[in-house]
Amino acid sequence: QVRLVESGGGLVQPGGSLRLSCTASGLTYRLYDMSWYRQAPGKERELVAAIASAGGTTRYADSTKGRFTISRDNAKNTVDLQMNELKPEDTALYFCNAVWDQRLEYWGQGTQVTVSS
């Protein structure tokens, strides 16, 4: 059974930092492209950051470039999202996503990030 479990969300003040982590199990992790998505109330789910299976290629939403950094550890089956200079508009439920060969896709349950003073 494939599981993606997110952790690290919470309440942070504007300008602060959080580090999200996702641990995967039940799949051949090194084969999967990994991503972080987020969904704010009343909005569609959007891509935040993605990293290729081998870890060499990353991409970011324009709104997170320069502030967020995605990384992965294929030995530990984890993907992290370091979020700096957080803004109230970053408030959302953040999801971990795994995709293999555009055929298999899995989602975590999400972790809440709230940026507020």
Protein backbone atom coordinates (compact mmCIF):
# COMPACT_ATOMS: atom_id res chain seq x y z
CA GLN A 1 0.00 0.00 0.00
CA VAL A 2 1.41 3.37 -1.02
CA ARG A 3 1.47 6.06 1.63
CA LEU A 4 2.63 9.65 1.51
CA VAL A 5 2.71 11.29 4.92
CA GLU A 6 3.30 15.02 5.27
CA SER A 7 4.53 16.77 8.38
CA GLY A 8 5.88 20.14 9.48
CA GLY A 9 2.90 22.41 8.95
CA GLY A 10 1.75 24.93 11.52
CA LEU A 11 1.16 28.55 12.34
CA VAL A 12 3.89 31.04 11.54
CA GLN A 13 4.13 34.82 11.42
CA PRO A 14 4.66 36.66 8.14
CA GLY A 15 8.33 36.62 7.21
CA GLY A 16 8.91 33.39 9.09
CA SER A 17 9.98 29.96 7.88
CA LEU A 18 8.67 26.41 7.93
CA ARG A 19 10.04 23.15 6.64
CA LEU A 20 7.61 20.56 5.34
CA SER A 21 8.56 16.94 4.95
CA CYS A 22 6.89 14.06 3.14
CA THR A 23 7.81 10.44 3.74
CA ALA A 24 6.83 7.86 1.14
CA SER A 25 6.38 4.13 1.59
CA GLY A 26 5.09 1.24 -0.49
CA LEU A 27 6.64 2.41 -3.75
CA THR A 28 9.98 2.44 -5.57
CA TYR A 29 10.60 5.99 -4.50
CA ARG A 30 13.62 6.74 -6.67
CA LEU A 31 11.48 6.28 -9.81
CA TYR A 32 8.94 8.93 -8.87
CA ASP A 33 8.85 12.61 -9.65
CA MET A 34 7.82 14.39 -6.45
CA SER A 35 5.93 17.61 -6.01
CA TRP A 36 4.31 19.84 -3.45
CA TYR A 37 0.91 21.33 -4.17
CA ARG A 38 -1.28 23.58 -2.10
CA GLN A 39 -4.93 24.46 -1.92
CA ALA A 40 -6.34 27.50 -0.19
CA PRO A 41 -10.02 27.75 0.75
CA GLY A 42 -12.14 28.50 -2.30
CA LYS A 43 -9.22 28.08 -4.68
CA GLU A 44 -7.99 25.33 -6.96
CA ARG A 45 -5.06 23.15 -6.05
CA GLU A 46 -1.85 24.58 -7.47
CA LEU A 47 1.69 23.36 -7.99
CA VAL A 48 4.18 24.84 -5.54
CA ALA A 49 7.39 23.03 -6.44
CA ALA A 50 8.52 19.85 -8.18
CA ILE A 51 11.65 17.76 -8.30
CA ALA A 52 12.54 15.03 -10.77
CA SER A 53 13.13 11.44 -9.75
CA ALA A 54 16.92 11.74 -9.91
CA GLY A 55 16.77 15.03 -8.05
CA GLY A 56 18.60 17.12 -10.61
CA THR A 57 15.73 19.14 -12.03
CA THR A 58 13.44 21.38 -10.03
CA ARG A 59 10.72 23.85 -10.90
CA TYR A 60 8.71 26.33 -8.92
CA ALA A 61 5.58 28.37 -9.15
CA ASP A 62 6.34 32.01 -9.89
CA SER A 63 4.87 32.93 -6.52
CA THR A 64 7.37 30.75 -4.63
CA LYS A 65 10.56 31.19 -6.63
CA GLY A 66 13.40 32.50 -4.52
CA ARG A 67 11.55 31.79 -1.27
CA PHE A 68 10.89 28.04 -1.35
CA THR A 69 13.34 25.20 -1.95
CA ILE A 70 12.41 21.61 -2.73
CA SER A 71 14.82 18.76 -2.05
CA ARG A 72 14.68 15.00 -1.84
CA ASP A 73 16.60 12.15 -0.25
CA ASN A 74 16.16 8.94 -2.21
CA ALA A 75 17.86 6.94 0.53
CA LYS A 76 15.25 8.04 3.07
CA ASN A 77 12.24 8.23 0.71
CA THR A 78 11.62 11.83 1.67
CA VAL A 79 10.93 15.11 -0.06
CA ASP A 80 11.20 18.38 1.81
CA LEU A 81 9.97 21.89 1.16
CA GLN A 82 11.86 24.68 2.87
CA MET A 83 9.66 27.76 2.95
CA ASN A 84 11.17 31.13 3.81
CA GLU A 85 9.79 34.67 3.83
CA LEU A 86 6.30 33.30 4.26
CA LYS A 87 3.36 35.53 3.37
CA PRO A 88 -0.30 35.37 4.39
CA GLU A 89 -1.13 34.31 0.83
CA ASP A 90 0.94 31.16 1.39
CA THR A 91 -1.74 29.96 3.80
CA ALA A 92 -3.10 26.68 2.45
CA LEU A 93 -3.27 22.94 2.86
CA TYR A 94 -0.03 21.57 1.42
CA PHE A 95 -0.01 18.19 -0.30
CA CYS A 96 2.77 15.82 -1.29
CA ASN A 97 2.43 14.23 -4.73
CA ALA A 98 4.25 11.33 -6.39
CA VAL A 99 4.07 10.54 -10.11
CA TRP A 100 5.69 7.73 -12.11
CA ASP A 101 5.81 7.83 -15.87
CA GLN A 102 2.60 9.92 -15.98
CA ARG A 103 0.69 6.73 -15.22
CA LEU A 104 0.75 6.25 -11.48
CA GLU A 105 -0.04 9.11 -9.14
CA TYR A 106 -0.40 9.29 -5.39
CA TRP A 107 -1.33 12.02 -2.93
CA GLY A 108 -0.80 12.58 0.74
CA GLN A 109 -3.48 13.80 3.12
CA GLY A 110 -2.01 17.27 3.46
CA THR A 111 -0.54 19.46 6.17
CA GLN A 112 -1.93 22.88 7.06
CA VAL A 113 0.24 25.97 6.81
CA THR A 114 -1.15 29.18 8.26
CA VAL A 115 0.72 32.46 7.95
CA SER A 116 -0.74 35.07 10.24
CA SER A 117 0.26 37.62 12.82
